[in-house]
N, C-alpha and C. Protein backbone atom coordinates (compact mmCIF):
# COMPACT_ATOMS: atom_id res chain seq x y z
N MET A 1 -63.20 -72.87 48.88
CA MET A 1 -63.41 -71.33 49.74
C MET A 1 -61.88 -70.61 49.08
N THR A 2 -60.79 -71.82 49.37
CA THR A 2 -59.31 -71.38 49.10
C THR A 2 -59.14 -70.82 47.91
N ASN A 3 -60.03 -71.48 46.68
CA ASN A 3 -59.69 -71.03 45.06
C ASN A 3 -60.24 -70.23 45.11
N LEU A 4 -61.31 -69.19 46.18
CA LEU A 4 -61.90 -67.85 45.35
C LEU A 4 -60.85 -67.17 46.24
N THR A 5 -60.21 -67.12 47.33
CA THR A 5 -59.40 -66.45 47.84
C THR A 5 -58.20 -66.31 46.98
N GLY A 6 -57.65 -67.02 46.64
CA GLY A 6 -56.47 -67.04 45.76
C GLY A 6 -56.53 -65.75 44.34
N VAL A 7 -58.01 -66.24 44.01
CA VAL A 7 -58.42 -65.38 42.82
C VAL A 7 -58.73 -63.83 43.25
N ILE A 8 -59.38 -63.75 44.47
CA ILE A 8 -59.38 -62.52 44.47
C ILE A 8 -58.04 -61.72 44.68
N ARG A 9 -57.12 -62.75 45.34
CA ARG A 9 -55.67 -61.98 45.80
C ARG A 9 -55.15 -61.57 44.42
N LYS A 10 -55.16 -62.25 43.39
CA LYS A 10 -54.85 -62.26 41.88
C LYS A 10 -55.37 -61.03 41.45
N LEU A 11 -56.71 -60.96 41.68
CA LEU A 11 -57.59 -59.72 41.28
C LEU A 11 -56.63 -58.46 41.77
N GLN A 12 -56.45 -58.32 43.17
CA GLN A 12 -56.29 -57.03 44.14
C GLN A 12 -54.85 -57.00 43.38
N LYS A 13 -54.03 -57.69 43.14
CA LYS A 13 -52.55 -57.90 42.61
C LYS A 13 -52.36 -56.99 41.44
N GLU A 14 -53.26 -57.55 40.50
CA GLU A 14 -53.34 -57.28 39.18
C GLU A 14 -53.80 -55.68 39.20
N ARG A 15 -54.75 -55.15 39.88
CA ARG A 15 -55.60 -53.72 40.42
C ARG A 15 -54.26 -53.03 40.98
N GLN A 16 -53.43 -53.24 41.84
CA GLN A 16 -52.42 -52.21 41.73
C GLN A 16 -51.06 -51.85 40.44
N ARG A 17 -51.42 -53.72 39.44
CA ARG A 17 -50.30 -53.51 38.43
C ARG A 17 -50.73 -52.18 37.56
N VAL A 18 -52.05 -52.67 37.38
CA VAL A 18 -52.57 -51.56 36.78
C VAL A 18 -52.55 -50.20 36.81
N HIS A 19 -53.71 -49.87 38.54
CA HIS A 19 -52.84 -48.95 39.30
C HIS A 19 -51.25 -48.03 38.78
N GLY A 20 -50.39 -48.72 39.01
CA GLY A 20 -49.73 -48.18 38.78
C GLY A 20 -48.60 -47.90 37.06
N GLU A 21 -49.51 -48.33 36.32
CA GLU A 21 -49.35 -48.34 35.02
C GLU A 21 -50.21 -47.11 34.40
N MET A 22 -51.11 -46.75 35.42
CA MET A 22 -51.90 -45.93 35.14
C MET A 22 -51.17 -44.61 35.39
N GLU A 23 -50.92 -44.86 36.48
CA GLU A 23 -50.02 -43.41 36.95
C GLU A 23 -48.55 -42.82 35.76
N ARG A 24 -47.94 -44.12 35.64
CA ARG A 24 -47.26 -43.74 35.12
C ARG A 24 -47.17 -43.25 33.33
N LEU A 25 -48.42 -43.65 32.72
CA LEU A 25 -48.69 -42.78 31.47
C LEU A 25 -49.82 -42.16 31.91
N ASN A 26 -50.14 -41.86 32.98
CA ASN A 26 -50.42 -39.53 33.78
C ASN A 26 -49.56 -39.03 33.75
N ALA A 27 -48.11 -39.64 34.53
CA ALA A 27 -46.96 -38.76 33.91
C ALA A 27 -46.25 -38.50 32.39
N ALA A 28 -46.21 -39.39 31.57
CA ALA A 28 -45.97 -39.59 30.19
C ALA A 28 -46.55 -38.44 29.74
N LEU A 29 -48.19 -38.46 29.92
CA LEU A 29 -49.14 -37.15 29.51
C LEU A 29 -48.73 -35.59 29.91
N ALA A 30 -49.01 -35.81 30.90
CA ALA A 30 -48.64 -34.57 31.76
C ALA A 30 -46.96 -33.65 31.31
N ALA A 31 -46.30 -34.73 31.08
CA ALA A 31 -44.78 -34.26 30.58
C ALA A 31 -44.63 -34.04 28.86
N LEU A 32 -45.96 -34.25 28.65
CA LEU A 32 -45.81 -33.83 26.77
C LEU A 32 -46.65 -33.42 26.93
N GLY A 33 -47.81 -33.09 27.73
CA GLY A 33 -48.49 -32.30 27.48
C GLY A 33 -47.99 -30.65 28.02
N SER A 34 -47.37 -30.80 28.43
CA SER A 34 -46.45 -29.23 28.80
C SER A 34 -45.43 -28.98 27.33
N LEU A 35 -45.43 -29.82 26.50
CA LEU A 35 -45.15 -28.93 25.03
C LEU A 35 -45.89 -28.61 24.60
N GLY A 36 -47.08 -28.74 24.60
CA GLY A 36 -48.10 -28.55 23.80
C GLY A 36 -49.64 -29.10 23.81
N SER A 37 -50.47 -29.02 24.15
CA SER A 37 -51.28 -28.82 25.06
C SER A 37 -52.80 -29.21 23.79
N LEU A 38 -52.89 -30.89 23.13
CA LEU A 38 -53.91 -30.86 22.12
C LEU A 38 -55.65 -30.58 23.18
N GLU A 39 -55.70 -30.11 23.89
CA GLU A 39 -56.87 -30.03 24.70
C GLU A 39 -56.98 -28.58 24.62
N GLY A 40 -58.21 -28.26 24.15
CA GLY A 40 -58.48 -26.99 23.94
C GLY A 40 -58.07 -25.80 22.86
N SER A 41 -57.51 -27.00 21.84
CA SER A 41 -56.72 -26.17 20.60
C SER A 41 -57.84 -26.05 19.62
N THR A 42 -57.98 -25.29 18.81
CA THR A 42 -58.91 -25.28 17.57
C THR A 42 -58.30 -25.89 16.69
N ARG A 43 -57.38 -26.29 16.63
CA ARG A 43 -56.84 -27.01 15.32
C ARG A 43 -57.60 -28.68 15.78
N SER A 44 -57.82 -29.30 14.16
CA SER A 44 -58.74 -30.01 13.70
C SER A 44 -58.04 -31.06 13.01
N PHE A 45 -57.55 -32.34 13.07
CA PHE A 45 -57.16 -33.61 12.71
C PHE A 45 -58.12 -33.86 11.83
N ALA A 46 -59.05 -33.72 11.16
CA ALA A 46 -59.98 -33.98 10.68
C ALA A 46 -59.14 -33.60 8.64
N PRO A 47 -59.73 -34.28 8.05
CA PRO A 47 -58.87 -33.77 6.69
C PRO A 47 -59.87 -32.63 5.67
N LYS A 48 -58.46 -32.05 5.05
CA LYS A 48 -59.23 -30.67 4.56
C LYS A 48 -60.12 -31.29 3.46
N ALA A 49 -60.87 -31.01 3.11
CA ALA A 49 -61.85 -30.92 1.70
C ALA A 49 -60.97 -30.69 0.46
N ARG A 50 -61.13 -31.41 -0.44
CA ARG A 50 -59.98 -30.99 -1.81
C ARG A 50 -61.01 -30.39 -2.79
N ARG A 51 -60.20 -30.03 -3.33
CA ARG A 51 -60.26 -28.73 -4.07
C ARG A 51 -60.94 -29.09 -5.66
N PRO A 52 -61.37 -28.00 -6.29
CA PRO A 52 -62.06 -29.36 -7.37
C PRO A 52 -60.89 -28.85 -8.25
N MET A 53 -60.90 -29.88 -9.25
CA MET A 53 -59.88 -29.73 -10.38
C MET A 53 -60.33 -29.47 -11.79
N SER A 54 -59.72 -27.94 -12.41
CA SER A 54 -60.54 -28.25 -13.92
C SER A 54 -60.15 -28.89 -14.77
N ALA A 55 -60.73 -29.47 -15.61
CA ALA A 55 -60.99 -30.46 -16.74
C ALA A 55 -59.16 -30.22 -17.77
N ALA A 56 -59.07 -28.88 -17.88
CA ALA A 56 -57.67 -28.56 -18.16
C ALA A 56 -56.36 -29.64 -17.18
N ALA A 57 -56.63 -29.45 -16.12
CA ALA A 57 -55.41 -29.70 -15.48
C ALA A 57 -55.74 -31.27 -15.23
N ARG A 58 -56.79 -32.10 -15.20
CA ARG A 58 -57.18 -33.37 -15.59
C ARG A 58 -56.49 -33.93 -16.99
N LYS A 59 -56.73 -32.91 -18.12
CA LYS A 59 -56.22 -33.86 -18.60
C LYS A 59 -54.55 -33.37 -18.99
N LYS A 60 -54.10 -31.92 -18.62
CA LYS A 60 -52.43 -32.37 -18.58
C LYS A 60 -51.57 -33.41 -17.44
N ILE A 61 -52.90 -33.66 -16.48
CA ILE A 61 -51.91 -34.79 -15.44
C ILE A 61 -52.10 -35.80 -16.64
N ALA A 62 -52.97 -36.32 -17.17
CA ALA A 62 -53.29 -37.67 -17.67
C ALA A 62 -52.15 -37.47 -18.79
N ALA A 63 -52.23 -36.63 -19.64
CA ALA A 63 -51.23 -36.67 -20.86
C ALA A 63 -49.83 -36.78 -20.08
N ALA A 64 -49.21 -35.93 -18.76
CA ALA A 64 -48.30 -36.99 -18.36
C ALA A 64 -48.11 -37.87 -17.93
N GLN A 65 -49.46 -38.48 -17.19
CA GLN A 65 -49.17 -40.49 -17.04
C GLN A 65 -48.79 -41.35 -18.22
N ARG A 66 -49.80 -40.62 -18.87
CA ARG A 66 -49.54 -41.71 -20.44
C ARG A 66 -48.37 -41.66 -21.06
N ALA A 67 -47.92 -40.55 -21.27
CA ALA A 67 -45.76 -40.63 -21.57
C ALA A 67 -45.18 -40.85 -20.44
N ARG A 68 -45.74 -41.43 -19.14
CA ARG A 68 -44.57 -42.20 -18.02
C ARG A 68 -44.73 -43.38 -18.51
N TRP A 69 -46.20 -43.58 -18.37
CA TRP A 69 -46.42 -45.14 -19.06
C TRP A 69 -45.40 -45.68 -20.86
N ALA A 70 -45.54 -44.74 -21.37
CA ALA A 70 -44.89 -44.83 -23.09
C ALA A 70 -43.89 -44.97 -22.73
N LYS A 71 -42.81 -44.72 -21.64
CA LYS A 71 -41.63 -44.64 -21.75
C LYS A 71 -41.08 -46.14 -20.76
N TRP A 72 -42.05 -45.87 -20.01
CA TRP A 72 -41.92 -47.25 -19.16
C TRP A 72 -41.68 -48.48 -20.27
N LYS A 73 -42.97 -48.57 -20.82
CA LYS A 73 -43.07 -49.53 -21.50
C LYS A 73 -42.01 -49.61 -22.48
N LYS A 74 -41.21 -48.85 -23.20
CA LYS A 74 -40.40 -48.46 -24.58
C LYS A 74 -39.16 -49.17 -23.71
N ASN A 75 -38.92 -48.52 -22.06
CA ASN A 75 -37.65 -49.23 -21.89
C ASN A 75 -37.76 -50.84 -21.83
N LYS A 76 -38.82 -51.33 -20.96
CA LYS A 76 -39.22 -52.19 -20.50
C LYS A 76 -39.04 -53.19 -22.17
N GLN A 77 -39.41 -53.22 -23.46
CA GLN A 77 -39.09 -53.57 -24.62
C GLN A 77 -37.50 -53.85 -24.80
N THR A 78 -36.97 -52.77 -24.78
CA THR A 78 -35.31 -52.52 -24.97
C THR A 78 -35.00 -53.72 -24.06
N LYS A 79 -35.04 -53.87 -22.94
CA LYS A 79 -34.45 -54.94 -22.23
C LYS A 79 -34.49 -56.77 -22.47
């Protein structure tokens, strides 16, 4: 029975510690919440849909990348 009493005391002590920590977290959230509330805002953090890229734009980007690779390979061979 003594062992059970000790476990109960430890659990109550842990509950008090966690309760104090929750109060500190709530105070921090309240302080940050005064800077700008996320609740009720219409701003969404979901990624925006990508706009389609034209075939011509893809060709230009691919050509530029091939030029960068060629330049890198050329510099690598001379060293």
